[in-house]
Amino acid sequence: MSEQAHLTVPEASLPSVLPGYRRFWLPGVMAKYISARWVYLPASLVREALLYVAVDRAEVVRRGLRVATTGSGAP
């Protein structure tokens, strides 16, 4: 599962409203032992990943930029 955490926004931007699984290409540079392959994720997990990208990851990036520009991580 840790390999799937490295899916990028373009890879995870497929519609996830349909039930079933979504197929993603996992490049060798992100996979263990450089083993590129197709990965199948449940649509519910794709929805959770998109929510993470939209909310949590955006907040982490904002905080990182604030620290980089002001030297303070305070909200």
PDB file of N, CA and C in Angstrom:
ATOM      1  N   MET A   1       0.809  -1.190   0.000  1.00  0.00           N
ATOM      2  CA  MET A   1       0.000   0.000   0.000  1.00  0.00           C
ATOM      3  C   MET A   1       0.855   1.257   0.000  1.00  0.00           C
ATOM      4  N   SER A   2       2.030   1.219   0.566  1.00  0.00           N
ATOM      5  CA  SER A   2       2.855   2.424   0.617  1.00  0.00           C
ATOM      6  C   SER A   2       3.230   2.900  -0.777  1.00  0.00           C
ATOM      7  N   GLU A   3       3.372   1.989  -1.724  1.00  0.00           N
ATOM      8  CA  GLU A   3       3.691   2.401  -3.081  1.00  0.00           C
ATOM      9  C   GLU A   3       2.549   3.219  -3.684  1.00  0.00           C
ATOM     10  N   GLN A   4       1.316   2.842  -3.426  1.00  0.00           N
ATOM     11  CA  GLN A   4       0.171   3.554  -3.970  1.00  0.00           C
ATOM     12  C   GLN A   4       0.068   4.961  -3.407  1.00  0.00           C
ATOM     13  N   ALA A   5       0.680   5.201  -2.265  1.00  0.00           N
ATOM     14  CA  ALA A   5       0.644   6.538  -1.673  1.00  0.00           C
ATOM     15  C   ALA A   5       1.401   7.538  -2.526  1.00  0.00           C
ATOM     16  N   HIS A   6       2.199   7.070  -3.458  1.00  0.00           N
ATOM     17  CA  HIS A   6       2.988   7.945  -4.303  1.00  0.00           C
ATOM     18  C   HIS A   6       2.279   8.312  -5.597  1.00  0.00           C
ATOM     19  N   LEU A   7       1.016   7.953  -5.740  1.00  0.00           N
ATOM     20  CA  LEU A   7       0.280   8.345  -6.939  1.00  0.00           C
ATOM     21  C   LEU A   7       0.246   9.858  -7.037  1.00  0.00           C
ATOM     22  N   THR A   8       0.419  10.360  -8.218  1.00  0.00           N
ATOM     23  CA  THR A   8       0.418  11.806  -8.403  1.00  0.00           C
ATOM     24  C   THR A   8      -0.977  12.290  -8.768  1.00  0.00           C
ATOM     25  N   VAL A   9      -1.169  13.588  -8.736  1.00  0.00           N
ATOM     26  CA  VAL A   9      -2.482  14.159  -9.030  1.00  0.00           C
ATOM     27  C   VAL A   9      -3.005  13.724 -10.391  1.00  0.00           C
ATOM     28  N   PRO A  10      -2.210  13.802 -11.485  1.00  0.00           N
ATOM     29  CA  PRO A  10      -2.761  13.342 -12.766  1.00  0.00           C
ATOM     30  C   PRO A  10      -3.171  11.881 -12.746  1.00  0.00           C
ATOM     31  N   GLU A  11      -2.441  11.055 -12.011  1.00  0.00           N
ATOM     32  CA  GLU A  11      -2.775   9.634 -11.955  1.00  0.00           C
ATOM     33  C   GLU A  11      -4.059   9.399 -11.174  1.00  0.00           C
ATOM     34  N   ALA A  12      -4.328  10.218 -10.174  1.00  0.00           N
ATOM     35  CA  ALA A  12      -5.487  10.005  -9.316  1.00  0.00           C
ATOM     36  C   ALA A  12      -6.680  10.844  -9.721  1.00  0.00           C
ATOM     37  N   SER A  13      -6.596  11.559 -10.835  1.00  0.00           N
ATOM     38  CA  SER A  13      -7.677  12.461 -11.184  1.00  0.00           C
ATOM     39  C   SER A  13      -8.768  11.798 -12.014  1.00  0.00           C
ATOM     40  N   LEU A  14      -8.720  10.487 -12.148  1.00  0.00           N
ATOM     41  CA  LEU A  14      -9.787   9.797 -12.868  1.00  0.00           C
ATOM     42  C   LEU A  14     -11.078   9.859 -12.074  1.00  0.00           C
ATOM     43  N   PRO A  15     -12.223   9.880 -12.761  1.00  0.00           N
ATOM     44  CA  PRO A  15     -13.504   9.916 -12.025  1.00  0.00           C
ATOM     45  C   PRO A  15     -13.618   8.731 -11.083  1.00  0.00           C
ATOM     46  N   SER A  16     -14.146   8.964  -9.907  1.00  0.00           N
ATOM     47  CA  SER A  16     -14.263   7.880  -8.935  1.00  0.00           C
ATOM     48  C   SER A  16     -15.705   7.708  -8.466  1.00  0.00           C
ATOM     49  N   VAL A  17     -16.660   8.156  -9.258  1.00  0.00           N
ATOM     50  CA  VAL A  17     -18.056   8.032  -8.849  1.00  0.00           C
ATOM     51  C   VAL A  17     -18.614   6.655  -9.175  1.00  0.00           C
ATOM     52  N   LEU A  18     -17.984   5.945 -10.087  1.00  0.00           N
ATOM     53  CA  LEU A  18     -18.461   4.614 -10.439  1.00  0.00           C
ATOM     54  C   LEU A  18     -17.912   3.591  -9.453  1.00  0.00           C
ATOM     55  N   PRO A  19     -18.687   2.563  -9.138  1.00  0.00           N
ATOM     56  CA  PRO A  19     -18.180   1.522  -8.238  1.00  0.00           C
ATOM     57  C   PRO A  19     -17.116   0.693  -8.944  1.00  0.00           C
ATOM     58  N   GLY A  20     -16.391  -0.069  -8.177  1.00  0.00           N
ATOM     59  CA  GLY A  20     -15.384  -0.947  -8.748  1.00  0.00           C
ATOM     60  C   GLY A  20     -13.983  -0.442  -8.493  1.00  0.00           C
ATOM     61  N   TYR A  21     -13.088  -0.804  -9.383  1.00  0.00           N
ATOM     62  CA  TYR A  21     -11.668  -0.491  -9.219  1.00  0.00           C
ATOM     63  C   TYR A  21     -11.197   0.447 -10.321  1.00  0.00           C
ATOM     64  N   ARG A  22     -10.194   1.241  -9.998  1.00  0.00           N
ATOM     65  CA  ARG A  22      -9.547   2.122 -10.971  1.00  0.00           C
ATOM     66  C   ARG A  22      -8.138   1.607 -11.178  1.00  0.00           C
ATOM     67  N   ARG A  23      -7.698   1.593 -12.408  1.00  0.00           N
ATOM     68  CA  ARG A  23      -6.380   1.084 -12.750  1.00  0.00           C
ATOM     69  C   ARG A  23      -5.414   2.262 -12.904  1.00  0.00           C
ATOM     70  N   PHE A  24      -4.243   2.152 -12.264  1.00  0.00           N
ATOM     71  CA  PHE A  24      -3.211   3.169 -12.334  1.00  0.00           C
ATOM     72  C   PHE A  24      -1.891   2.515 -12.693  1.00  0.00           C
ATOM     73  N   TRP A  25      -1.093   3.222 -13.468  1.00  0.00           N
ATOM     74  CA  TRP A  25       0.244   2.736 -13.795  1.00  0.00           C
ATOM     75  C   TRP A  25       1.194   3.196 -12.709  1.00  0.00           C
ATOM     76  N   LEU A  26       1.912   2.285 -12.100  1.00  0.00           N
ATOM     77  CA  LEU A  26       2.900   2.596 -11.079  1.00  0.00           C
ATOM     78  C   LEU A  26       4.275   2.500 -11.737  1.00  0.00           C
ATOM     79  N   PRO A  27       4.913   3.662 -11.996  1.00  0.00           N
ATOM     80  CA  PRO A  27       6.220   3.645 -12.666  1.00  0.00           C
ATOM     81  C   PRO A  27       7.278   2.941 -11.819  1.00  0.00           C
ATOM     82  N   GLY A  28       8.257   2.395 -12.485  1.00  0.00           N
ATOM     83  CA  GLY A  28       9.328   1.680 -11.791  1.00  0.00           C
ATOM     84  C   GLY A  28      10.067   2.532 -10.774  1.00  0.00           C
ATOM     85  N   VAL A  29      10.205   3.826 -11.022  1.00  0.00           N
ATOM     86  CA  VAL A  29      10.929   4.685 -10.080  1.00  0.00           C
ATOM     87  C   VAL A  29      10.191   4.844  -8.762  1.00  0.00           C
ATOM     88  N   MET A  30       8.895   4.515  -8.731  1.00  0.00           N
ATOM     89  CA  MET A  30       8.106   4.617  -7.500  1.00  0.00           C
ATOM     90  C   MET A  30       7.848   3.257  -6.866  1.00  0.00           C
ATOM     91  N   ALA A  31       8.119   2.202  -7.580  1.00  0.00           N
ATOM     92  CA  ALA A  31       7.794   0.857  -7.118  1.00  0.00           C
ATOM     93  C   ALA A  31       9.004   0.172  -6.492  1.00  0.00           C
ATOM     94  N   LYS A  32       8.740  -0.761  -5.622  1.00  0.00           N
ATOM     95  CA  LYS A  32       9.823  -1.550  -5.028  1.00  0.00           C
ATOM     96  C   LYS A  32      10.543  -2.330  -6.112  1.00  0.00           C
ATOM     97  N   TYR A  33      11.843  -2.386  -6.000  1.00  0.00           N
ATOM     98  CA  TYR A  33      12.687  -3.153  -6.917  1.00  0.00           C
ATOM     99  C   TYR A  33      12.501  -2.726  -8.374  1.00  0.00           C
ATOM    100  N   ILE A  34      12.111  -1.462  -8.578  1.00  0.00           N
ATOM    101  CA  ILE A  34      11.909  -0.891  -9.917  1.00  0.00           C
ATOM    102  C   ILE A  34      10.978  -1.774 -10.745  1.00  0.00           C
ATOM    103  N   SER A  35       9.932  -2.266 -10.123  1.00  0.00           N
ATOM    104  CA  SER A  35       8.997  -3.184 -10.753  1.00  0.00           C
ATOM    105  C   SER A  35       7.733  -2.427 -11.183  1.00  0.00           C
ATOM    106  N   ALA A  36       7.793  -1.766 -12.335  1.00  0.00           N
ATOM    107  CA  ALA A  36       6.636  -1.032 -12.851  1.00  0.00           C
ATOM    108  C   ALA A  36       5.489  -2.010 -13.115  1.00  0.00           C
ATOM    109  N   ARG A  37       4.273  -1.557 -12.833  1.00  0.00           N
ATOM    110  CA  ARG A  37       3.119  -2.449 -13.016  1.00  0.00           C
ATOM    111  C   ARG A  37       1.825  -1.673 -12.893  1.00  0.00           C
ATOM    112  N   TRP A  38       0.736  -2.308 -13.300  1.00  0.00           N
ATOM    113  CA  TRP A  38      -0.593  -1.744 -13.092  1.00  0.00           C
ATOM    114  C   TRP A  38      -1.034  -2.032 -11.664  1.00  0.00           C
ATOM    115  N   VAL A  39      -1.676  -1.051 -11.038  1.00  0.00           N
ATOM    116  CA  VAL A  39      -2.197  -1.192  -9.680  1.00  0.00           C
ATOM    117  C   VAL A  39      -3.691  -0.924  -9.748  1.00  0.00           C
ATOM    118  N   TYR A  40      -4.467  -1.737  -9.082  1.00  0.00           N
ATOM    119  CA  TYR A  40      -5.917  -1.564  -9.054  1.00  0.00           C
ATOM    120  C   TYR A  40      -6.333  -1.107  -7.670  1.00  0.00           C
ATOM    121  N   LEU A  41      -7.004   0.029  -7.606  1.00  0.00           N
ATOM    122  CA  LEU A  41      -7.457   0.577  -6.332  1.00  0.00           C
ATOM    123  C   LEU A  41      -8.972   0.662  -6.318  1.00  0.00           C
ATOM    124  N   PRO A  42      -9.598   0.375  -5.171  1.00  0.00           N
ATOM    125  CA  PRO A  42     -11.043   0.538  -5.074  1.00  0.00           C
ATOM    126  C   PRO A  42     -11.414   2.008  -5.276  1.00  0.00           C
ATOM    127  N   ALA A  43     -12.557   2.248  -5.913  1.00  0.00           N
ATOM    128  CA  ALA A  43     -13.014   3.618  -6.168  1.00  0.00           C
ATOM    129  C   ALA A  43     -13.106   4.420  -4.877  1.00  0.00           C
ATOM    130  N   SER A  44     -13.472   3.784  -3.770  1.00  0.00           N
ATOM    131  CA  SER A  44     -13.574   4.502  -2.496  1.00  0.00           C
ATOM    132  C   SER A  44     -12.208   5.024  -2.052  1.00  0.00           C
ATOM    133  N   LEU A  45     -11.145   4.274  -2.315  1.00  0.00           N
ATOM    134  CA  LEU A  45      -9.806   4.709  -1.957  1.00  0.00           C
ATOM    135  C   LEU A  45      -9.349   5.861  -2.848  1.00  0.00           C
ATOM    136  N   VAL A  46      -9.752   5.831  -4.114  1.00  0.00           N
ATOM    137  CA  VAL A  46      -9.434   6.931  -5.023  1.00  0.00           C
ATOM    138  C   VAL A  46     -10.099   8.206  -4.525  1.00  0.00           C
ATOM    139  N   ARG A  47     -11.354   8.118  -4.085  1.00  0.00           N
ATOM    140  CA  ARG A  47     -12.053   9.294  -3.538  1.00  0.00           C
ATOM    141  C   ARG A  47     -11.331   9.840  -2.318  1.00  0.00           C
ATOM    142  N   GLU A  48     -10.881   8.954  -1.424  1.00  0.00           N
ATOM    143  CA  GLU A  48     -10.147   9.388  -0.230  1.00  0.00           C
ATOM    144  C   GLU A  48      -8.834  10.064  -0.610  1.00  0.00           C
ATOM    145  N   ALA A  49      -8.141   9.534  -1.599  1.00  0.00           N
ATOM    146  CA  ALA A  49      -6.876  10.126  -2.034  1.00  0.00           C
ATOM    147  C   ALA A  49      -7.105  11.508  -2.630  1.00  0.00           C
ATOM    148  N   LEU A  50      -8.161  11.668  -3.407  1.00  0.00           N
ATOM    149  CA  LEU A  50      -8.469  12.976  -3.990  1.00  0.00           C
ATOM    150  C   LEU A  50      -8.820  13.982  -2.903  1.00  0.00           C
ATOM    151  N   LEU A  51      -9.539  13.546  -1.879  1.00  0.00           N
ATOM    152  CA  LEU A  51      -9.866  14.424  -0.754  1.00  0.00           C
ATOM    153  C   LEU A  51      -8.590  14.837  -0.021  1.00  0.00           C
ATOM    154  N   TYR A  52      -7.685  13.890   0.178  1.00  0.00           N
ATOM    155  CA  TYR A  52      -6.402  14.200   0.818  1.00  0.00           C
ATOM    156  C   TYR A  52      -5.640  15.245   0.000  1.00  0.00           C
ATOM    157  N   VAL A  53      -5.577  15.057  -1.316  1.00  0.00           N
ATOM    158  CA  VAL A  53      -4.853  15.998  -2.179  1.00  0.00           C
ATOM    159  C   VAL A  53      -5.484  17.378  -2.095  1.00  0.00           C
ATOM    160  N   ALA A  54      -6.807  17.438  -2.098  1.00  0.00           N
ATOM    161  CA  ALA A  54      -7.504  18.728  -2.107  1.00  0.00           C
ATOM    162  C   ALA A  54      -7.390  19.460  -0.778  1.00  0.00           C
ATOM    163  N   VAL A  55      -7.354  18.739   0.343  1.00  0.00           N
ATOM    164  CA  VAL A  55      -7.407  19.389   1.655  1.00  0.00           C
ATOM    165  C   VAL A  55      -6.085  19.286   2.402  1.00  0.00           C
ATOM    166  N   ASP A  56      -5.702  18.094   2.794  1.00  0.00           N
ATOM    167  CA  ASP A  56      -4.540  17.913   3.661  1.00  0.00           C
ATOM    168  C   ASP A  56      -3.226  18.288   2.982  1.00  0.00           C
ATOM    169  N   ARG A  57      -3.009  17.784   1.776  1.00  0.00           N
ATOM    170  CA  ARG A  57      -1.742  18.071   1.108  1.00  0.00           C
ATOM    171  C   ARG A  57      -1.617  19.564   0.827  1.00  0.00           C
ATOM    172  N   ALA A  58      -2.720  20.208   0.444  1.00  0.00           N
ATOM    173  CA  ALA A  58      -2.696  21.655   0.185  1.00  0.00           C
ATOM    174  C   ALA A  58      -2.288  22.424   1.442  1.00  0.00           C
ATOM    175  N   GLU A  59      -2.766  21.995   2.603  1.00  0.00           N
ATOM    176  CA  GLU A  59      -2.417  22.664   3.854  1.00  0.00           C
ATOM    177  C   GLU A  59      -0.932  22.468   4.175  1.00  0.00           C
ATOM    178  N   VAL A  60      -0.411  21.280   3.951  1.00  0.00           N
ATOM    179  CA  VAL A  60       1.004  21.025   4.204  1.00  0.00           C
ATOM    180  C   VAL A  60       1.865  21.897   3.290  1.00  0.00           C
ATOM    181  N   VAL A  61       1.463  22.032   2.037  1.00  0.00           N
ATOM    182  CA  VAL A  61       2.218  22.874   1.108  1.00  0.00           C
ATOM    183  C   VAL A  61       2.175  24.330   1.560  1.00  0.00           C
ATOM    184  N   ARG A  62       1.007  24.812   1.980  1.00  0.00           N
ATOM    185  CA  ARG A  62       0.890  26.202   2.472  1.00  0.00           C
ATOM    186  C   ARG A  62       1.811  26.428   3.662  1.00  0.00           C
ATOM    187  N   ARG A  63       1.830  25.492   4.589  1.00  0.00           N
ATOM    188  CA  ARG A  63       2.703  25.633   5.763  1.00  0.00           C
ATOM    189  C   ARG A  63       4.174  25.629   5.365  1.00  0.00           C
ATOM    190  N   GLY A  64       4.525  24.745   4.454  1.00  0.00           N
ATOM    191  CA  GLY A  64       5.904  24.691   3.994  1.00  0.00           C
ATOM    192  C   GLY A  64       6.338  25.982   3.320  1.00  0.00           C
ATOM    193  N   LEU A  65       5.461  26.547   2.513  1.00  0.00           N
ATOM    194  CA  LEU A  65       5.778  27.819   1.861  1.00  0.00           C
ATOM    195  C   LEU A  65       5.915  28.932   2.882  1.00  0.00           C
ATOM    196  N   ARG A  66       5.070  28.916   3.905  1.00  0.00           N
ATOM    197  CA  ARG A  66       5.138  29.939   4.945  1.00  0.00           C
ATOM    198  C   ARG A  66       6.462  29.844   5.703  1.00  0.00           C
ATOM    199  N   VAL A  67       6.874  28.639   6.024  1.00  0.00           N
ATOM    200  CA  VAL A  67       8.151  28.451   6.721  1.00  0.00           C
ATOM    201  C   VAL A  67       9.305  28.896   5.812  1.00  0.00           C
ATOM    202  N   ALA A  68       9.219  28.560   4.551  1.00  0.00           N
ATOM    203  CA  ALA A  68      10.295  28.912   3.612  1.00  0.00           C
ATOM    204  C   ALA A  68      10.415  30.426   3.437  1.00  0.00           C
ATOM    205  N   THR A  69       9.302  31.136   3.487  1.00  0.00           N
ATOM    206  CA  THR A  69       9.345  32.567   3.226  1.00  0.00           C
ATOM    207  C   THR A  69       9.484  33.403   4.501  1.00  0.00           C
ATOM    208  N   THR A  70       8.939  32.922   5.617  1.00  0.00           N
ATOM    209  CA  THR A  70       8.975  33.737   6.839  1.00  0.00           C
ATOM    210  C   THR A  70       9.859  33.126   7.922  1.00  0.00           C
ATOM    211  N   GLY A  71      10.173  31.854   7.797  1.00  0.00           N
ATOM    212  CA  GLY A  71      10.972  31.197   8.825  1.00  0.00           C
ATOM    213  C   GLY A  71      10.163  30.772  10.025  1.00  0.00           C
ATOM    214  N   SER A  72       8.837  30.942   9.947  1.00  0.00           N
ATOM    215  CA  SER A  72       7.958  30.573  11.058  1.00  0.00           C
ATOM    216  C   SER A  72       6.887  29.612  10.572  1.00  0.00           C
ATOM    217  N   GLY A  73       6.696  28.529  11.302  1.00  0.00           N
ATOM    218  CA  GLY A  73       5.660  27.587  10.957  1.00  0.00           C
ATOM    219  C   GLY A  73       4.353  27.830  11.669  1.00  0.00           C
ATOM    220  N   ALA A  74       4.270  28.924  12.453  1.00  0.00           N
ATOM    221  CA  ALA A  74       3.046  29.228  13.192  1.00  0.00           C
ATOM    222  C   ALA A  74       1.913  29.549  12.246  1.00  0.00           C
ATOM    223  N   PRO A  75       0.679  29.131  12.578  1.00  0.00           N
ATOM    224  CA  PRO A  75      -0.468  29.413  11.708  1.00  0.00           C
ATOM    225  C   PRO A  75      -0.796  30.881  11.585  1.00  0.00           C
TER     226      PRO A  75
END
